Protein backbone atom coordinates (compact mmCIF):
# COMPACT_ATOMS: atom_id res chain seq x y z
CA UNK A 1 -0.01 -0.02 0.01
CA UNK A 2 1.19 3.48 -0.66
CA UNK A 3 0.07 7.06 0.25
CA UNK A 4 0.51 10.32 -1.57
CA UNK A 5 2.21 13.22 0.20
CA UNK A 6 2.35 16.85 -0.97
CA UNK A 7 4.32 19.92 0.01
CA UNK A 8 2.11 22.39 1.91
CA UNK A 9 0.95 25.43 -0.18
CA UNK A 10 -1.88 27.81 -0.48
CA UNK A 11 -2.76 26.27 -3.82
CA UNK A 12 -3.71 22.85 -2.60
CA UNK A 13 -7.35 23.38 -1.65
CA UNK A 14 -8.17 24.47 -5.23
CA UNK A 15 -5.96 21.85 -6.77
CA UNK A 16 -7.58 19.00 -4.96
CA UNK A 17 -11.17 20.22 -5.51
CA UNK A 18 -10.37 20.45 -9.17
CA UNK A 19 -8.44 17.33 -9.82
CA UNK A 20 -9.97 14.86 -7.46
CA UNK A 21 -6.64 13.20 -6.67
CA UNK A 22 -6.80 10.13 -4.47
CA UNK A 23 -5.15 10.07 -0.95
CA UNK A 24 -2.72 12.94 -0.70
CA UNK A 25 -0.48 14.71 1.79
CA UNK A 26 1.64 18.02 1.56
CA UNK A 27 5.41 19.81 2.44
CA UNK A 28 4.77 23.52 3.94
CA UNK A 29 6.30 26.27 1.79
CA UNK A 30 7.73 28.41 4.50
CA UNK A 31 10.55 31.03 4.33
CA UNK A 32 12.96 28.16 3.75
CA UNK A 33 10.93 26.70 0.79
CA UNK A 34 12.72 26.53 -2.54
CA UNK A 35 12.15 29.47 -4.87
CA UNK A 36 10.61 27.12 -7.45
CA UNK A 37 7.43 26.76 -5.31
CA UNK A 38 7.02 30.43 -4.74
CA UNK A 39 4.21 30.76 -7.30
CA UNK A 40 1.98 28.54 -5.14
CA UNK A 41 1.22 31.64 -3.04
CA UNK A 42 -0.53 33.12 -6.03
CA UNK A 43 1.43 36.39 -5.87
CA UNK A 44 3.38 35.94 -9.03
CA UNK A 45 2.59 35.26 -12.63
CA UNK A 46 2.26 31.68 -13.86
CA UNK A 47 5.64 30.33 -15.22
CA UNK A 48 6.11 29.51 -18.79
CA UNK A 49 5.39 25.76 -19.38
CA UNK A 50 8.76 25.04 -20.78
CA UNK A 51 10.68 26.49 -17.76
CA UNK A 52 10.04 24.74 -14.42
CA UNK A 53 12.17 27.22 -12.62
CA UNK A 54 10.54 30.29 -14.09
CA UNK A 55 8.72 31.31 -10.95
CA UNK A 56 12.07 32.00 -9.19
CA UNK A 57 12.73 35.35 -10.99
CA UNK A 58 9.21 36.44 -9.90
CA UNK A 59 10.23 36.03 -6.28
CA UNK A 60 13.53 37.90 -6.89
CA UNK A 61 11.73 40.61 -8.67
CA UNK A 62 10.29 41.76 -5.40
CA UNK A 63 13.71 42.18 -3.87
CA UNK A 64 14.40 45.79 -5.07
CA UNK A 65 11.68 46.92 -2.72
CA UNK A 66 13.78 45.83 0.28
CA UNK A 67 16.46 48.47 -0.08
CA UNK A 68 13.85 51.16 0.26
CA UNK A 69 13.63 50.32 3.92
CA UNK A 70 17.40 50.46 4.39
CA UNK A 71 17.83 53.70 2.33
CA UNK A 72 15.17 55.59 4.30
CA UNK A 73 17.04 55.60 7.72
CA UNK A 74 20.29 56.75 6.10
CA UNK A 75 18.65 59.71 4.40
CA UNK A 76 16.96 60.61 7.74
CA UNK A 77 20.09 60.23 9.86
CA UNK A 78 19.93 63.74 11.43
CA UNK A 79 16.42 63.11 12.62
CA UNK A 80 15.58 59.54 13.54
CA UNK A 81 11.90 60.12 13.76
CA UNK A 82 11.84 61.03 10.12
CA UNK A 83 12.77 57.49 9.29
CA UNK A 84 9.46 56.10 10.51
CA UNK A 85 7.24 57.75 7.90
CA UNK A 86 9.71 56.65 5.18
CA UNK A 87 9.44 53.09 6.34
CA UNK A 88 5.69 53.23 6.53
CA UNK A 89 5.53 54.73 3.09
CA UNK A 90 7.57 51.91 1.68
CA UNK A 91 5.34 49.37 3.29
CA UNK A 92 2.20 51.09 1.96
CA UNK A 93 3.75 51.11 -1.52
CA UNK A 94 4.39 47.40 -1.45
CA UNK A 95 0.96 46.46 -0.06
CA UNK A 96 -1.05 46.80 -3.39
CA UNK A 97 1.09 43.96 -4.85
CA UNK A 98 -1.05 41.39 -3.00
CA UNK A 99 -4.28 42.98 -4.19
CA UNK A 100 -3.12 42.67 -7.69
CA UNK A 101 -2.58 38.91 -7.52
CA UNK A 102 -4.24 37.02 -10.38
CA UNK A 103 -7.49 35.31 -9.54
CA UNK A 104 -7.17 32.44 -12.05
CA UNK A 105 -4.89 29.40 -11.98
CA UNK A 106 -1.28 30.30 -11.12
CA UNK A 107 1.95 28.51 -10.41
CA UNK A 108 3.26 25.01 -10.95
CA UNK A 109 3.50 21.88 -8.88
CA UNK A 110 5.75 18.90 -9.51
CA UNK A 111 4.68 15.34 -8.58
CA UNK A 112 6.98 12.34 -8.33
CA UNK A 113 5.31 9.09 -9.50
CA UNK A 114 6.72 5.60 -9.71
CA UNK A 115 5.83 5.29 -13.43
CA UNK A 116 4.81 7.60 -16.21
CA UNK A 117 3.00 5.69 -19.01
CA UNK A 118 2.15 7.00 -22.44
CA UNK A 119 -1.24 8.68 -23.05
CA UNK A 120 -3.70 6.13 -24.38
CA UNK A 121 -6.44 8.29 -26.01
CA UNK A 122 -8.32 5.20 -27.22
CA UNK A 123 -7.97 2.84 -24.21
CA UNK A 124 -10.54 0.37 -25.61
CA UNK A 125 -8.00 -0.54 -28.41
CA UNK A 126 -4.76 -0.08 -26.48
CA UNK A 127 -2.67 -2.29 -24.17
CA UNK A 128 -4.14 -3.53 -20.86
CA UNK A 129 -2.45 -0.68 -19.00
CA UNK A 130 -3.37 2.59 -17.38
CA UNK A 131 -2.69 5.82 -19.20
CA UNK A 132 -0.79 8.97 -18.15
CA UNK A 133 -4.19 10.59 -18.64
CA UNK A 134 -5.37 8.86 -15.46
CA UNK A 135 -2.76 10.54 -13.22
CA UNK A 136 -4.15 13.99 -12.55
CA UNK A 137 -7.44 15.71 -13.22
CA UNK A 138 -7.91 15.17 -17.00
CA UNK A 139 -10.89 12.90 -16.73
CA UNK A 140 -14.01 12.89 -14.57
CA UNK A 141 -16.26 10.18 -13.28
CA UNK A 142 -20.05 9.94 -13.50
CA UNK A 143 -20.01 9.58 -9.71
CA UNK A 144 -17.58 10.09 -6.87
CA UNK A 145 -17.17 9.41 -3.20
CA UNK A 146 -18.34 12.26 -0.92
CA UNK A 147 -19.40 12.23 2.75
CA UNK A 148 -19.94 8.46 2.88
CA UNK A 149 -21.90 8.35 -0.41
CA UNK A 150 -19.98 6.57 -3.18
CA UNK A 151 -22.66 7.56 -5.77
CA UNK A 152 -22.44 11.33 -5.40
CA UNK A 153 -23.14 12.67 -8.93
CA UNK A 154 -20.26 14.35 -10.79
CA UNK A 155 -20.72 14.20 -14.52
CA UNK A 156 -24.15 12.65 -13.86
CA UNK A 157 -26.82 14.84 -12.51
CA UNK A 158 -29.03 11.97 -11.23
CA UNK A 159 -29.53 8.26 -11.58
CA UNK A 160 -32.25 5.69 -10.91
CA UNK A 161 -32.84 1.96 -11.31
CA UNK A 162 -36.20 0.61 -12.44
CA UNK A 163 -38.19 -1.47 -9.75
CA UNK A 164 -37.33 -4.70 -11.58
CA UNK A 165 -33.63 -3.95 -11.47
CA UNK A 166 -33.34 -4.40 -15.31
CA UNK A 167 -31.82 -0.98 -16.28
CA UNK A 168 -30.35 2.19 -14.86
CA UNK A 169 -31.28 5.66 -16.17
CA UNK A 170 -28.60 8.35 -16.00
CA UNK A 171 -29.20 12.03 -16.53
CA UNK A 172 -26.09 14.15 -17.39
CA UNK A 173 -25.19 17.67 -16.46
CA UNK A 174 -25.29 20.14 -19.34
CA UNK A 175 -22.46 22.25 -20.58
CA UNK A 176 -19.62 19.60 -20.06
CA UNK A 177 -17.11 20.37 -22.80
CA UNK A 178 -14.82 17.79 -24.20
CA UNK A 179 -11.50 19.68 -23.45
CA UNK A 180 -8.88 20.08 -26.10
CA UNK A 181 -5.38 18.96 -25.36
CA UNK A 182 -2.61 21.60 -25.09
CA UNK A 183 -1.75 22.90 -28.52
CA UNK A 184 -5.13 21.97 -30.01
CA UNK A 185 -7.25 24.71 -28.39
CA UNK A 186 -8.76 25.70 -31.61
CA UNK A 187 -10.29 22.26 -32.23
CA UNK A 188 -13.83 21.98 -31.02
CA UNK A 189 -14.57 18.40 -29.78
CA UNK A 190 -18.13 19.13 -28.78
CA UNK A 191 -20.05 18.43 -25.65
CA UNK A 192 -20.46 15.39 -23.44
CA UNK A 193 -24.07 14.41 -24.03
CA UNK A 194 -26.19 11.29 -24.24
CA UNK A 195 -24.99 10.44 -27.78
CA UNK A 196 -21.28 10.48 -26.73
CA UNK A 197 -21.81 8.63 -23.43
CA UNK A 198 -23.84 5.85 -25.13
CA UNK A 199 -21.15 5.44 -27.65
CA UNK A 200 -18.48 5.35 -24.94
CA UNK A 201 -20.36 2.74 -22.95
CA UNK A 202 -20.89 0.46 -26.02
CA UNK A 203 -17.36 0.83 -27.12
CA UNK A 204 -15.57 -0.05 -23.86
CA UNK A 205 -17.99 -2.68 -22.56
CA UNK A 206 -16.55 -6.11 -23.38
CA UNK A 207 -19.94 -7.74 -23.52
CA UNK A 208 -21.21 -5.27 -26.15
CA UNK A 209 -17.85 -4.92 -27.96
CA UNK A 210 -15.84 -8.18 -27.81
CA UNK A 211 -12.77 -6.38 -29.34
CA UNK A 212 -12.54 -3.96 -26.33
CA UNK A 213 -9.29 -4.12 -24.39
CA UNK A 214 -10.34 -1.40 -21.99
CA UNK A 215 -8.92 -2.09 -18.41
CA UNK A 216 -12.35 -2.09 -16.90
CA UNK A 217 -14.05 -3.90 -19.83
CA UNK A 218 -14.75 -7.11 -17.92
CA UNK A 219 -16.02 -5.31 -14.80
CA UNK A 220 -18.45 -3.18 -16.86
CA UNK A 221 -19.49 -6.23 -18.90
CA UNK A 222 -20.37 -8.20 -15.78
CA UNK A 223 -22.81 -5.53 -14.66
CA UNK A 224 -24.06 -3.78 -17.87
CA UNK A 225 -25.59 -4.66 -21.20
CA UNK A 226 -26.10 -2.25 -24.11
CA UNK A 227 -26.60 1.49 -23.53
CA UNK A 228 -29.36 3.43 -25.32
CA UNK A 229 -30.16 7.18 -25.69
CA UNK A 230 -33.52 8.34 -24.29
CA UNK A 231 -33.00 12.11 -24.46
CA UNK A 232 -30.39 14.76 -25.31
CA UNK A 233 -28.80 14.29 -21.87
CA UNK A 234 -30.40 11.05 -20.66
CA UNK A 235 -29.59 7.45 -21.45
CA UNK A 236 -30.22 4.00 -20.08
CA UNK A 237 -27.94 1.05 -19.65
CA UNK A 238 -29.21 -2.53 -19.24
CA UNK A 239 -28.31 -4.49 -16.09
CA UNK A 240 -27.16 -8.14 -16.27
CA UNK A 241 -28.78 -8.75 -12.95
CA UNK A 242 -30.54 -6.45 -10.48
CA UNK A 243 -28.21 -3.87 -8.81
CA UNK A 244 -29.75 -1.09 -6.70
CA UNK A 245 -27.11 0.27 -4.24
CA UNK A 246 -24.03 1.05 -6.35
CA UNK A 247 -22.67 0.92 -9.81
CA UNK A 248 -19.18 0.46 -11.25
CA UNK A 249 -19.11 4.07 -12.45
CA UNK A 250 -17.69 5.93 -9.43
CA UNK A 251 -14.14 6.87 -8.45
CA UNK A 252 -14.99 4.91 -5.30
CA UNK A 253 -14.62 1.78 -7.36
CA UNK A 254 -17.98 0.15 -6.73
CA UNK A 255 -18.19 -3.41 -7.99
CA UNK A 256 -14.62 -3.40 -9.37
CA UNK A 257 -14.52 -0.60 -11.98
CA UNK A 258 -13.79 3.08 -11.51
CA UNK A 259 -13.64 4.46 -15.02
CA UNK A 260 -13.01 8.00 -16.09
CA UNK A 261 -15.11 8.96 -19.14
CA UNK A 262 -13.47 9.95 -22.37
CA UNK A 263 -14.49 11.04 -25.82
CA UNK A 264 -14.76 8.59 -28.76
CA UNK A 265 -15.68 11.34 -31.28
CA UNK A 266 -12.00 12.64 -31.37
CA UNK A 267 -11.28 9.53 -33.54
CA UNK A 268 -13.73 10.88 -36.19
CA UNK A 269 -12.49 14.44 -35.92
CA UNK A 270 -8.64 13.96 -35.78
CA UNK A 271 -8.20 10.35 -37.06
CA UNK A 272 -7.27 7.16 -35.32
CA UNK A 273 -3.51 7.80 -35.03
CA UNK A 274 -3.87 11.16 -33.41
CA UNK A 275 -6.69 10.03 -31.16
CA UNK A 276 -4.66 7.03 -29.85
CA UNK A 277 -2.08 9.42 -28.48
CA UNK A 278 -4.30 12.20 -27.13
CA UNK A 279 -6.93 11.93 -24.41
CA UNK A 280 -10.01 14.14 -24.78
CA UNK A 281 -11.97 14.29 -21.53
CA UNK A 282 -14.05 16.78 -19.47
CA UNK A 283 -11.78 17.30 -16.41
CA UNK A 284 -10.37 20.58 -15.14
CA UNK A 285 -6.95 19.78 -16.66
CA UNK A 286 -5.77 18.93 -20.16
CA UNK A 287 -2.47 17.19 -20.99
CA UNK A 288 0.43 18.68 -22.84
CA UNK A 289 3.58 16.80 -23.71
CA UNK A 290 3.78 13.35 -22.15
CA UNK A 291 6.87 11.23 -22.55
CA UNK A 292 6.59 7.72 -21.30
CA UNK A 293 9.22 6.86 -18.77
CA UNK A 294 10.08 10.56 -18.13
CA UNK A 295 7.36 13.15 -17.50
CA UNK A 296 3.90 14.45 -18.31
CA UNK A 297 2.48 17.92 -17.91
CA UNK A 298 -1.10 18.96 -17.43
CA UNK A 299 -2.57 22.42 -17.65
CA UNK A 300 -5.58 24.08 -15.96
CA UNK A 301 -8.80 24.73 -17.77
CA UNK A 302 -9.92 28.27 -16.87
CA UNK A 303 -13.73 28.31 -17.26
CA UNK A 304 -14.35 24.70 -16.35
CA UNK A 305 -18.03 23.56 -15.93
CA UNK A 306 -17.52 22.34 -12.39
CA UNK A 307 -14.37 23.78 -10.72
CA UNK A 308 -11.59 26.00 -11.92
CA UNK A 309 -8.17 24.81 -10.54
CA UNK A 310 -5.91 27.03 -8.48
CA UNK A 311 -2.73 25.55 -9.94
CA UNK A 312 -1.88 26.49 -13.61
CA UNK A 313 0.42 23.50 -14.30
CA UNK A 314 1.23 20.15 -12.78
CA UNK A 315 4.19 18.19 -14.02
CA UNK A 316 4.45 14.54 -13.27
CA UNK A 317 8.00 13.08 -13.34
CA UNK A 318 8.95 9.40 -13.12
CA UNK A 319 10.87 8.44 -9.93
CA UNK A 320 10.60 4.65 -9.53
CA UNK A 321 12.31 4.37 -6.12
CA UNK A 322 10.31 5.28 -2.97
CA UNK A 323 13.29 6.51 -0.96
CA UNK A 324 14.29 8.80 -3.83
CA UNK A 325 10.77 10.30 -3.93
CA UNK A 326 10.95 10.94 -0.19
CA UNK A 327 14.33 12.60 -0.45
CA UNK A 328 13.08 14.76 -3.35
CA UNK A 329 10.03 15.77 -1.37
CA UNK A 330 12.07 16.76 1.73
CA UNK A 331 14.60 18.74 -0.39
CA UNK A 332 11.82 20.59 -2.23
CA UNK A 333 12.62 19.15 -5.62
CA UNK A 334 9.01 17.86 -5.80
CA UNK A 335 5.78 19.04 -4.19
CA UNK A 336 4.00 15.74 -4.25
CA UNK A 337 5.22 12.14 -3.94
CA UNK A 338 3.92 8.63 -3.51
CA UNK A 339 5.24 7.08 -0.30
CA UNK A 340 5.13 3.41 0.63
CA UNK A 341 2.99 2.85 3.70
CA UNK A 342 5.83 1.41 5.71
CA UNK A 343 7.90 4.67 5.23
CA UNK A 344 5.15 7.02 6.43
CA UNK A 345 6.25 7.23 10.06
CA UNK A 346 9.86 8.12 9.18
CA UNK A 347 8.66 10.65 6.57
CA UNK A 348 6.39 12.69 8.80
CA UNK A 349 8.14 12.36 12.19
CA UNK A 350 9.76 15.62 13.31
CA UNK A 351 8.70 17.50 10.15
CA UNK A 352 6.38 20.43 10.11
CA UNK A 353 6.55 20.66 6.33
CA UNK A 354 4.79 17.34 5.59
CA UNK A 355 1.20 16.46 6.10
CA UNK A 356 -1.50 14.27 4.59
CA UNK A 357 -4.51 15.75 2.87
CA UNK A 358 -7.71 13.72 2.84
CA UNK A 359 -9.35 13.84 -0.62
CA UNK A 360 -11.98 11.20 0.00
CA UNK A 361 -14.06 12.70 2.86
CA UNK A 362 -15.46 10.13 5.12
CA UNK A 363 -12.24 8.22 5.70
CA UNK A 364 -12.96 5.36 3.29
CA UNK A 365 -9.99 3.05 2.71
CA UNK A 366 -10.48 0.17 0.34
CA UNK A 367 -8.59 -3.10 0.47
CA UNK A 368 -8.91 -5.91 -1.97
CA UNK A 369 -7.88 -9.48 -1.30
CA UNK A 370 -7.71 -12.03 -4.13
CA UNK A 371 -7.95 -15.78 -3.65
CA UNK A 372 -6.22 -17.30 -6.66
CA UNK A 373 -5.83 -20.95 -7.72
CA UNK A 374 -9.44 -22.05 -8.42
CA UNK A 375 -9.42 -21.09 -12.04
CA UNK A 376 -10.20 -24.11 -14.16
CA UNK A 377 -10.99 -22.49 -17.51
CA UNK A 378 -10.28 -25.03 -20.26
CA UNK A 379 -10.01 -22.69 -23.25
CA UNK A 380 -9.09 -19.12 -23.88
CA UNK A 381 -12.25 -16.95 -24.08
CA UNK A 382 -11.23 -15.22 -27.28
CA UNK A 383 -8.77 -17.49 -29.15
CA UNK A 384 -10.13 -20.90 -28.07
CA UNK A 385 -6.59 -21.99 -27.27
CA UNK A 386 -6.39 -24.88 -24.75
CA UNK A 387 -5.24 -23.62 -21.32
CA UNK A 388 -4.62 -26.94 -19.46
CA UNK A 389 -4.56 -25.16 -16.10
CA UNK A 390 -4.37 -28.49 -14.28
CA UNK A 391 -0.86 -29.12 -15.50
CA UNK A 392 0.56 -26.68 -12.99
CA UNK A 393 2.54 -28.26 -10.06
CA UNK A 394 0.55 -25.99 -7.77
CA UNK A 395 -2.22 -28.45 -7.96
CA UNK A 396 -0.15 -31.44 -6.70
CA UNK A 397 -1.45 -31.03 -3.13
CA UNK A 398 -5.07 -31.24 -2.03
CA UNK A 399 -5.98 -28.02 -0.08
CA UNK A 400 -9.42 -26.91 1.23
CA UNK A 401 -9.67 -23.72 -0.89
CA UNK A 402 -9.17 -25.55 -4.26
CA UNK A 403 -11.96 -27.71 -5.69
CA UNK A 404 -12.29 -30.27 -8.43
CA UNK A 405 -15.12 -29.08 -10.64
CA UNK A 406 -15.47 -32.40 -12.58
CA UNK A 407 -16.67 -34.33 -9.44
CA UNK A 408 -20.15 -33.10 -10.04
CA UNK A 409 -21.90 -34.63 -13.06
CA UNK A 410 -23.68 -31.41 -13.84
CA UNK A 411 -20.38 -29.69 -14.71
CA UNK A 412 -19.03 -30.75 -18.07
CA UNK A 413 -16.97 -28.96 -20.69
CA UNK A 414 -15.82 -31.05 -23.56
CA UNK A 415 -14.42 -34.43 -22.65
CA UNK A 416 -12.53 -33.39 -19.50
CA UNK A 417 -13.14 -35.17 -16.26
CA UNK A 418 -11.56 -35.65 -12.85
CA UNK A 419 -8.68 -37.69 -14.28
CA UNK A 420 -6.89 -34.40 -15.16
CA UNK A 421 -6.75 -33.30 -11.51
CA UNK A 422 -3.28 -33.93 -10.08
CA UNK A 423 -4.24 -34.38 -6.38
CA UNK A 424 -6.33 -37.01 -4.61
CA UNK A 425 -9.34 -35.47 -2.94
CA UNK A 426 -9.46 -36.77 0.74
CA UNK A 427 -10.46 -33.86 3.00
CA UNK A 428 -14.16 -33.14 2.18
CA UNK A 429 -16.79 -33.54 4.82
CA UNK A 430 -19.28 -36.35 4.08
CA UNK A 431 -21.77 -35.46 1.41
CA UNK A 432 -19.92 -32.32 0.32
CA UNK A 433 -18.29 -31.87 -3.09
CA UNK A 434 -14.71 -30.60 -3.54
CA UNK A 435 -15.94 -27.33 -5.14
CA UNK A 436 -18.55 -26.71 -2.40
CA UNK A 437 -15.87 -27.09 0.23
CA UNK A 438 -13.62 -24.67 -1.58
CA UNK A 439 -16.47 -22.16 -1.88
CA UNK A 440 -17.35 -22.34 1.83
CA UNK A 441 -13.69 -21.96 2.96
CA UNK A 442 -13.24 -18.89 0.72
CA UNK A 443 -16.46 -17.41 1.93
CA UNK A 444 -15.42 -17.99 5.60
CA UNK A 445 -12.07 -16.33 4.94
CA UNK A 446 -13.68 -13.32 3.26
CA UNK A 447 -16.16 -12.92 6.02
CA UNK A 448 -13.52 -13.19 8.73
CA UNK A 449 -11.34 -10.56 7.03
């Protein structure tokens, strides 16, 4: 398990509201903070994207005001009282600088992450791997976790399941623009409406589109059937079986999936090659240059439909080693870093510059435990290739949580039978099949945990 930590800064509240990062923490920019983080106060202009250190000159630019205080006493040496008005005048002159601070996104933050992947703009046809677009604020969810409710609407305005549990109806917010990546601001990708969401659902869902390689394809296919438009901003999605309490459409991760929603129309507008390398989503940030294995930058959207970010630019850099991330965080080289759970105590002890920031109000912490070893599929679902799982030496020994599916006559696939099982079944209670014993043992372990 790992936790994210951030360097303390006045920007953070706006950043986290806008980008909906997962669990974060922060290092306080005090007087000893590095000059690079000075823009986080919002008192200087946003740096040029190509120059991470650009904010530093802004901090130095204020320096000439300081000699005014020193010069005044020298000029007023014959009369010490005269120095006081001069000092006050200098202070008054400097004061308006704060009032003139820009109200929009400013400054830059740097985040260390263990891996920076390429941007997969068409994840339903890409590798089974998460995209750089998933790191910070580019995409949004239909629902998110807030104050104990995992189905708090975000892109969605409302949702309902029919009494029979056969379909869910989702109403969308209006005015959610598909944001153009950096450098393509003049290209209009349209609005996220029922047409685009129906197309997205039916493209990524492995049940509807067998060619989909979307990472959450199987989770979505296990719950949903085909989506259909019912209004300009309303659509329905069929349910495989009744589900009333939660759907796999939330950043909370209900029922396995936690997808961010992306455009599919950008393929039509820009072509498949461009679309595969550029993510078009509705979030408060858009991506710029992203180089796999190195870094990826995202930039704030100023008139966002939901929340305008406080931070103008966030650069994610690849730092694979946890101790290196911690060292960079402490030295001020980065503002945010992912920290292994076992390192947390050492990281925060004795430091007033590091803290954790809760971004999932309600204190929810999810933990998944997978019980492997009872997978007896005989053929590959797509290719039909024989898998022969029983050839593994792992099945030499009879254990309570592994079952022989061919003991029961009702289970048959092809000509396979119990002769392929490597172990001799000897530990079942009387009248109980091997598979039933395995099911009950796994259920008991899950319940106990």
